[in-house]
Amino acid sequence: MTDRELQARKRIERELHDGVQQDLVAIVVKLQLARRLAEADPGAAATLLDQIRAEAQAALDATRGLSGRIYPPLLDAAGLRAALRAAAPEAKVDIDLGDECPEETVAAVYFCCLDLLPATAISVRREGNALAFEVSTDATPELSGVTDRIGAHGGRLTAGPGRVSGSLPC
């Protein structure tokens, strides 16, 4: 595991502890309060329960967001096209995987593209024995995570104004 990957895992662990866990503790405390209010002031209890529902939904969304950064379930369930469209709904996504590629290669390409967001267009295609991707963006992407991931898989990466492309062997 590289230093960058270790730092990313520590960030996620902090977000779980300081974010989602604290949100859930607050929800439990508010539920206890709502229980006490239910008999004394049903209107206040109903208002508090509406707040709790919204906070629970926010905690659920945060948990989904974090787990998607670890490994998106949509990638396994529906494939690369669906996972990238969900991650970059504003981008034009063009996927042509052709023959089968190992799951770890597809996942590495997914995370490379994710690291390069926001994107205006994402293209992934099979080129011989490699899986190539190109991400067009109006932003200046941070390339260090992508560079590490590409290097770990023995791939190549090129970057130019508004465009980053790379390939990983299948």
Protein backbone atom coordinates (compact mmCIF):
# COMPACT_ATOMS: atom_id res chain seq x y z
CA MET A 1 0.00 0.00 0.00
CA THR A 2 1.38 3.40 -0.98
CA ASP A 3 1.52 6.38 1.37
CA ARG A 4 -1.23 8.04 -0.65
CA GLU A 5 -3.50 5.00 -0.30
CA LEU A 6 -2.81 4.89 3.43
CA GLN A 7 -3.65 8.59 3.72
CA ALA A 8 -6.90 8.03 1.78
CA ARG A 9 -7.89 5.20 4.11
CA LYS A 10 -7.14 7.34 7.15
CA ARG A 11 -9.29 10.15 5.70
CA ILE A 12 -12.19 7.74 5.23
CA GLU A 13 -11.73 6.38 8.75
CA ARG A 14 -11.79 9.97 10.11
CA GLU A 15 -14.90 10.78 8.08
CA LEU A 16 -16.62 7.68 9.47
CA HIS A 17 -15.66 8.50 13.05
CA ASP A 18 -16.07 12.27 13.01
CA GLY A 19 -18.96 12.40 10.55
CA VAL A 20 -21.30 9.47 10.20
CA GLN A 21 -20.73 8.03 13.68
CA GLN A 22 -21.34 11.41 15.35
CA ASP A 23 -24.46 11.94 13.21
CA LEU A 24 -25.83 8.57 14.32
CA VAL A 25 -25.10 9.29 18.00
CA ALA A 26 -27.02 12.59 17.67
CA ILE A 27 -29.93 10.75 16.05
CA VAL A 28 -30.09 8.27 18.95
CA VAL A 29 -30.12 11.12 21.49
CA LYS A 30 -32.89 12.90 19.57
CA LEU A 31 -34.91 9.69 19.36
CA GLN A 32 -34.74 9.41 23.14
CA LEU A 33 -35.97 13.00 23.42
CA ALA A 34 -38.77 12.33 20.91
CA ARG A 35 -39.86 9.34 23.00
CA ARG A 36 -40.19 11.59 26.06
CA LEU A 37 -42.01 14.27 24.05
CA ALA A 38 -44.46 11.82 22.47
CA GLU A 39 -46.82 11.91 25.45
CA ALA A 40 -46.17 15.43 26.74
CA ASP A 41 -46.20 17.34 23.44
CA PRO A 42 -47.15 15.21 20.40
CA GLY A 43 -46.76 18.18 18.00
CA ALA A 44 -43.19 18.84 19.12
CA ALA A 45 -42.46 15.12 18.96
CA ALA A 46 -43.76 14.96 15.37
CA THR A 47 -41.60 17.94 14.37
CA LEU A 48 -38.56 16.38 16.01
CA LEU A 49 -39.22 13.04 14.30
CA ASP A 50 -39.31 14.81 10.92
CA GLN A 51 -35.90 16.34 11.73
CA ILE A 52 -34.56 12.94 12.78
CA ARG A 53 -35.79 11.34 9.56
CA ALA A 54 -33.96 13.99 7.51
CA GLU A 55 -30.78 13.55 9.58
CA ALA A 56 -30.97 9.76 9.27
CA GLN A 57 -31.32 10.12 5.48
CA ALA A 58 -28.30 12.44 5.39
CA ALA A 59 -26.27 9.92 7.43
CA LEU A 60 -27.35 7.15 5.06
CA ASP A 61 -26.33 9.25 2.04
CA ALA A 62 -22.95 10.01 3.65
CA THR A 63 -22.40 6.32 4.36
CA ARG A 64 -23.22 5.44 0.75
CA GLY A 65 -20.83 8.12 -0.45
CA LEU A 66 -18.01 6.81 1.69
CA SER A 67 -18.59 3.19 0.76
CA GLY A 68 -18.70 4.18 -2.90
CA ARG A 69 -15.23 5.70 -2.52
CA ILE A 70 -13.99 2.41 -1.07
CA TYR A 71 -15.58 0.27 -3.78
CA PRO A 72 -18.85 1.13 -5.50
CA PRO A 73 -21.44 -1.68 -5.38
CA LEU A 74 -22.83 -0.37 -8.67
CA LEU A 75 -19.58 -1.31 -10.39
CA ASP A 76 -20.17 -4.99 -9.58
CA ALA A 77 -23.94 -4.91 -9.97
CA ALA A 78 -24.29 -2.95 -13.22
CA GLY A 79 -20.81 -2.49 -14.65
CA LEU A 80 -18.42 0.30 -15.46
CA ARG A 81 -20.82 2.33 -17.63
CA ALA A 82 -23.45 2.57 -14.89
CA ALA A 83 -20.89 3.29 -12.16
CA LEU A 84 -19.26 6.11 -14.15
CA ARG A 85 -22.62 7.58 -15.16
CA ALA A 86 -23.65 7.62 -11.51
CA ALA A 87 -20.34 9.21 -10.44
CA ALA A 88 -20.33 11.77 -13.27
CA PRO A 89 -23.95 12.42 -14.27
CA GLU A 90 -23.07 15.62 -16.18
CA ALA A 91 -20.39 13.94 -18.32
CA LYS A 92 -20.82 12.18 -21.64
CA VAL A 93 -19.81 8.58 -20.88
CA ASP A 94 -18.74 6.26 -23.72
CA ILE A 95 -17.73 2.70 -22.77
CA ASP A 96 -16.66 -0.14 -25.08
CA LEU A 97 -14.96 -2.87 -23.07
CA GLY A 98 -14.99 -5.48 -25.84
CA ASP A 99 -13.50 -8.67 -24.43
CA GLU A 100 -13.44 -9.41 -20.73
CA CYS A 101 -10.96 -7.53 -18.59
CA PRO A 102 -9.99 -8.52 -15.07
CA GLU A 103 -12.18 -6.91 -12.39
CA GLU A 104 -9.18 -5.25 -10.77
CA THR A 105 -8.28 -3.53 -14.06
CA VAL A 106 -11.84 -2.26 -14.55
CA ALA A 107 -11.92 -1.06 -10.92
CA ALA A 108 -8.56 0.70 -11.36
CA VAL A 109 -9.86 2.52 -14.46
CA TYR A 110 -13.02 3.47 -12.56
CA PHE A 111 -11.01 4.99 -9.70
CA CYS A 112 -8.68 6.78 -12.12
CA CYS A 113 -11.70 8.38 -13.79
CA LEU A 114 -13.21 9.18 -10.39
CA ASP A 115 -9.99 10.93 -9.34
CA LEU A 116 -10.20 13.11 -12.47
CA LEU A 117 -13.71 14.47 -11.85
CA PRO A 118 -15.36 16.80 -12.62
CA ALA A 119 -15.36 15.69 -16.25
CA THR A 120 -17.17 16.76 -19.38
CA ALA A 121 -16.55 13.43 -21.13
CA ILE A 122 -15.24 9.99 -20.17
CA SER A 123 -14.28 7.36 -22.70
CA VAL A 124 -13.12 3.83 -21.88
CA ARG A 125 -12.32 1.27 -24.57
CA ARG A 126 -10.46 -1.95 -25.08
CA GLU A 127 -7.32 -1.48 -27.18
CA GLY A 128 -5.62 -4.80 -27.82
CA ASN A 129 -4.54 -6.18 -24.47
CA ALA A 130 -5.11 -2.91 -22.61
CA LEU A 131 -8.02 -0.95 -21.22
CA ALA A 132 -7.65 2.69 -22.29
CA PHE A 133 -9.45 5.68 -20.83
CA GLU A 134 -9.67 9.36 -21.62
CA VAL A 135 -11.18 12.02 -19.41
CA SER A 136 -11.94 15.51 -20.71
CA THR A 137 -12.26 18.20 -18.08
CA ASP A 138 -12.47 21.95 -17.74
CA ALA A 139 -10.70 21.73 -14.36
CA THR A 140 -7.04 21.13 -13.64
CA PRO A 141 -7.08 17.64 -12.15
CA GLU A 142 -4.83 16.39 -9.38
CA LEU A 143 -2.84 13.57 -10.98
CA SER A 144 -0.91 12.09 -8.06
CA GLY A 145 -3.53 9.45 -7.14
CA VAL A 146 -4.03 8.51 -10.78
CA THR A 147 -0.27 8.33 -11.33
CA ASP A 148 0.12 6.01 -8.33
CA ARG A 149 -2.72 3.75 -9.45
CA ILE A 150 -1.47 3.60 -13.06
CA GLY A 151 2.06 2.83 -11.87
CA ALA A 152 0.86 0.07 -9.56
CA HIS A 153 -0.83 -1.64 -12.52
CA GLY A 154 2.01 -1.16 -15.00
CA GLY A 155 0.08 1.27 -17.16
CA ARG A 156 0.80 4.58 -18.83
CA LEU A 157 -0.62 8.06 -18.34
CA THR A 158 -0.54 11.21 -20.45
CA ALA A 159 -1.99 14.58 -19.61
CA GLY A 160 -2.56 17.68 -21.67
CA PRO A 161 -4.72 20.76 -21.45
CA GLY A 162 -8.26 19.63 -20.69
CA ARG A 163 -7.51 15.95 -21.25
CA VAL A 164 -6.00 13.03 -19.33
CA SER A 165 -5.61 9.61 -20.88
CA GLY A 166 -4.12 6.37 -19.77
CA SER A 167 -4.15 2.66 -20.27
CA LEU A 168 -3.79 -0.41 -18.10
CA PRO A 169 -2.87 -3.88 -19.29
CA CYS A 170 -5.68 -6.44 -19.14
